[in-house]
Amino acid sequence: MPAEVVWSPVAVADLDAIWEWIAVENGEPAAAERTITAILDRMDGVADFPLATTPLDSRCRIRSNWRYVEERGYLAFIRVERGRAYVDRVLSGKSDYLRKLFDLEDGTTFYA
């Protein structure tokens, strides 16, 4: 039985910001649509096998229950609990995504 994919309001805002950046800032609305569609399609695929995603602690030395998938340079961070895949954030792989994910403003440095 596939997991239900549940999007957090912050993850939805992340998708909006990604679309805005590609479509408006870069003047590529068709590319923005393709990117968002690819991310949504990827998450639909995750619903079938959510535990086949990559644990975040395989990418960095931070223990957490987050997992992630990558699509078109963006990382969708998910938690799998009780038959649901919770999408918490969708962030650029080029950003300081660990600081954003863990909401750190204290100058902590991460080494991936």
C-alpha atoms as a PDB file:
ATOM      1  CA  MET A   1       0.000   0.000   0.000  1.00  0.00           C
ATOM      2  CA  PRO A   2       1.533   3.363  -1.003  1.00  0.00           C
ATOM      3  CA  ALA A   3       2.332   5.927   1.637  1.00  0.00           C
ATOM      4  CA  GLU A   4       0.372   9.142   1.729  1.00  0.00           C
ATOM      5  CA  VAL A   5       2.570  12.123   0.813  1.00  0.00           C
ATOM      6  CA  VAL A   6       1.898  15.054   3.145  1.00  0.00           C
ATOM      7  CA  TRP A   7       3.349  18.452   2.223  1.00  0.00           C
ATOM      8  CA  SER A   8       4.176  20.913   4.985  1.00  0.00           C
ATOM      9  CA  PRO A   9       3.232  24.567   4.429  1.00  0.00           C
ATOM     10  CA  VAL A  10       6.962  25.400   4.408  1.00  0.00           C
ATOM     11  CA  ALA A  11       7.637  22.832   1.657  1.00  0.00           C
ATOM     12  CA  VAL A  12       4.782  24.283  -0.420  1.00  0.00           C
ATOM     13  CA  ALA A  13       6.292  27.749   0.100  1.00  0.00           C
ATOM     14  CA  ASP A  14       9.659  26.313  -1.012  1.00  0.00           C
ATOM     15  CA  LEU A  15       8.044  25.100  -4.257  1.00  0.00           C
ATOM     16  CA  ASP A  16       6.494  28.535  -4.781  1.00  0.00           C
ATOM     17  CA  ALA A  17       9.895  30.188  -4.239  1.00  0.00           C
ATOM     18  CA  ILE A  18      11.580  27.768  -6.668  1.00  0.00           C
ATOM     19  CA  TRP A  19       8.946  28.520  -9.315  1.00  0.00           C
ATOM     20  CA  GLU A  20       9.279  32.262  -8.689  1.00  0.00           C
ATOM     21  CA  TRP A  21      13.062  32.170  -8.979  1.00  0.00           C
ATOM     22  CA  ILE A  22      13.108  30.181 -12.222  1.00  0.00           C
ATOM     23  CA  ALA A  23      10.066  31.783 -13.871  1.00  0.00           C
ATOM     24  CA  VAL A  24      10.385  35.408 -12.805  1.00  0.00           C
ATOM     25  CA  GLU A  25      13.991  36.024 -11.795  1.00  0.00           C
ATOM     26  CA  ASN A  26      15.389  34.005 -14.691  1.00  0.00           C
ATOM     27  CA  GLY A  27      12.542  34.606 -17.130  1.00  0.00           C
ATOM     28  CA  GLU A  28      11.948  30.901 -17.795  1.00  0.00           C
ATOM     29  CA  PRO A  29       8.310  30.065 -16.905  1.00  0.00           C
ATOM     30  CA  ALA A  30       8.293  26.868 -18.987  1.00  0.00           C
ATOM     31  CA  ALA A  31      11.435  25.633 -17.213  1.00  0.00           C
ATOM     32  CA  ALA A  32       9.830  26.506 -13.869  1.00  0.00           C
ATOM     33  CA  GLU A  33       6.770  24.401 -14.724  1.00  0.00           C
ATOM     34  CA  ARG A  34       8.959  21.467 -15.818  1.00  0.00           C
ATOM     35  CA  THR A  35      11.017  21.656 -12.627  1.00  0.00           C
ATOM     36  CA  ILE A  36       8.032  21.802 -10.270  1.00  0.00           C
ATOM     37  CA  THR A  37       6.270  19.025 -12.179  1.00  0.00           C
ATOM     38  CA  ALA A  38       9.397  16.849 -11.984  1.00  0.00           C
ATOM     39  CA  ILE A  39       9.669  17.385  -8.216  1.00  0.00           C
ATOM     40  CA  LEU A  40       5.972  16.564  -7.694  1.00  0.00           C
ATOM     41  CA  ASP A  41       6.229  13.476  -9.918  1.00  0.00           C
ATOM     42  CA  ARG A  42       9.293  12.316  -8.014  1.00  0.00           C
ATOM     43  CA  MET A  43       7.427  12.617  -4.734  1.00  0.00           C
ATOM     44  CA  ASP A  44       4.507  10.653  -6.182  1.00  0.00           C
ATOM     45  CA  GLY A  45       7.025   7.896  -6.951  1.00  0.00           C
ATOM     46  CA  VAL A  46       8.382   8.058  -3.404  1.00  0.00           C
ATOM     47  CA  ALA A  47       4.903   7.192  -2.114  1.00  0.00           C
ATOM     48  CA  ASP A  48       5.339   3.640  -3.428  1.00  0.00           C
ATOM     49  CA  PHE A  49       8.646   3.005  -1.614  1.00  0.00           C
ATOM     50  CA  PRO A  50       9.373   5.832   0.863  1.00  0.00           C
ATOM     51  CA  LEU A  51      12.091   3.874   2.678  1.00  0.00           C
ATOM     52  CA  ALA A  52      13.998   3.483  -0.603  1.00  0.00           C
ATOM     53  CA  THR A  53      14.992   7.142  -0.247  1.00  0.00           C
ATOM     54  CA  THR A  54      18.438   8.147   1.045  1.00  0.00           C
ATOM     55  CA  PRO A  55      18.933   8.784   4.777  1.00  0.00           C
ATOM     56  CA  LEU A  56      20.273  12.297   5.392  1.00  0.00           C
ATOM     57  CA  ASP A  57      22.953  10.991   7.748  1.00  0.00           C
ATOM     58  CA  SER A  58      24.557   9.207   4.781  1.00  0.00           C
ATOM     59  CA  ARG A  59      25.368  12.685   3.378  1.00  0.00           C
ATOM     60  CA  CYS A  60      26.498  14.377   6.591  1.00  0.00           C
ATOM     61  CA  ARG A  61      27.391  13.475  10.145  1.00  0.00           C
ATOM     62  CA  ILE A  62      24.126  14.589  11.698  1.00  0.00           C
ATOM     63  CA  ARG A  63      21.798  11.959  13.096  1.00  0.00           C
ATOM     64  CA  SER A  64      18.189  12.591  12.163  1.00  0.00           C
ATOM     65  CA  ASN A  65      15.115  10.801  10.906  1.00  0.00           C
ATOM     66  CA  TRP A  66      15.137  12.798   7.673  1.00  0.00           C
ATOM     67  CA  ARG A  67      15.558  11.167   4.310  1.00  0.00           C
ATOM     68  CA  TYR A  68      15.829  12.900   0.963  1.00  0.00           C
ATOM     69  CA  VAL A  69      15.439  12.562  -2.773  1.00  0.00           C
ATOM     70  CA  GLU A  70      17.111  14.699  -5.394  1.00  0.00           C
ATOM     71  CA  GLU A  71      15.411  16.036  -8.498  1.00  0.00           C
ATOM     72  CA  ARG A  72      16.842  18.604 -10.921  1.00  0.00           C
ATOM     73  CA  GLY A  73      19.291  19.933  -8.349  1.00  0.00           C
ATOM     74  CA  TYR A  74      16.718  20.244  -5.568  1.00  0.00           C
ATOM     75  CA  LEU A  75      16.561  18.112  -2.429  1.00  0.00           C
ATOM     76  CA  ALA A  76      13.186  17.138  -0.983  1.00  0.00           C
ATOM     77  CA  PHE A  77      13.609  16.309   2.710  1.00  0.00           C
ATOM     78  CA  ILE A  78      11.098  13.820   4.059  1.00  0.00           C
ATOM     79  CA  ARG A  79      10.254  11.925   7.217  1.00  0.00           C
ATOM     80  CA  VAL A  80       8.559   8.552   6.976  1.00  0.00           C
ATOM     81  CA  GLU A  81       6.158   7.848   9.827  1.00  0.00           C
ATOM     82  CA  ARG A  82       3.067   5.664  10.194  1.00  0.00           C
ATOM     83  CA  GLY A  83       2.423   5.090   6.508  1.00  0.00           C
ATOM     84  CA  ARG A  84       3.021   8.712   5.545  1.00  0.00           C
ATOM     85  CA  ALA A  85       5.893  10.506   3.834  1.00  0.00           C
ATOM     86  CA  TYR A  86       6.033  14.020   5.267  1.00  0.00           C
ATOM     87  CA  VAL A  87       7.746  16.484   2.937  1.00  0.00           C
ATOM     88  CA  ASP A  88       9.252  19.096   5.242  1.00  0.00           C
ATOM     89  CA  ARG A  89      11.435  21.168   2.881  1.00  0.00           C
ATOM     90  CA  VAL A  90      12.483  21.390  -0.766  1.00  0.00           C
ATOM     91  CA  LEU A  91      15.839  23.169  -1.025  1.00  0.00           C
ATOM     92  CA  SER A  92      18.483  23.764  -3.636  1.00  0.00           C
ATOM     93  CA  GLY A  93      21.367  21.331  -3.432  1.00  0.00           C
ATOM     94  CA  LYS A  94      23.639  24.359  -3.968  1.00  0.00           C
ATOM     95  CA  SER A  95      22.293  26.191  -0.907  1.00  0.00           C
ATOM     96  CA  ASP A  96      23.358  25.844   2.705  1.00  0.00           C
ATOM     97  CA  TYR A  97      20.496  23.365   3.029  1.00  0.00           C
ATOM     98  CA  LEU A  98      21.618  21.864   6.354  1.00  0.00           C
ATOM     99  CA  ARG A  99      21.488  25.250   8.049  1.00  0.00           C
ATOM    100  CA  LYS A 100      18.039  25.881   6.555  1.00  0.00           C
ATOM    101  CA  LEU A 101      16.786  22.395   7.370  1.00  0.00           C
ATOM    102  CA  PHE A 102      17.905  22.554  10.986  1.00  0.00           C
ATOM    103  CA  ASP A 103      16.948  26.257  11.232  1.00  0.00           C
ATOM    104  CA  LEU A 104      20.337  27.303  12.591  1.00  0.00           C
ATOM    105  CA  GLU A 105      21.347  30.931  12.852  1.00  0.00           C
ATOM    106  CA  ASP A 106      24.108  30.494  15.441  1.00  0.00           C
ATOM    107  CA  GLY A 107      27.077  30.172  13.066  1.00  0.00           C
ATOM    108  CA  THR A 108      27.370  26.379  13.430  1.00  0.00           C
ATOM    109  CA  THR A 109      29.526  24.979  10.641  1.00  0.00           C
ATOM    110  CA  PHE A 110      28.666  21.696   8.938  1.00  0.00           C
ATOM    111  CA  TYR A 111      31.076  19.490   7.069  1.00  0.00           C
ATOM    112  CA  ALA A 112      29.342  17.220   4.604  1.00  0.00           C
END
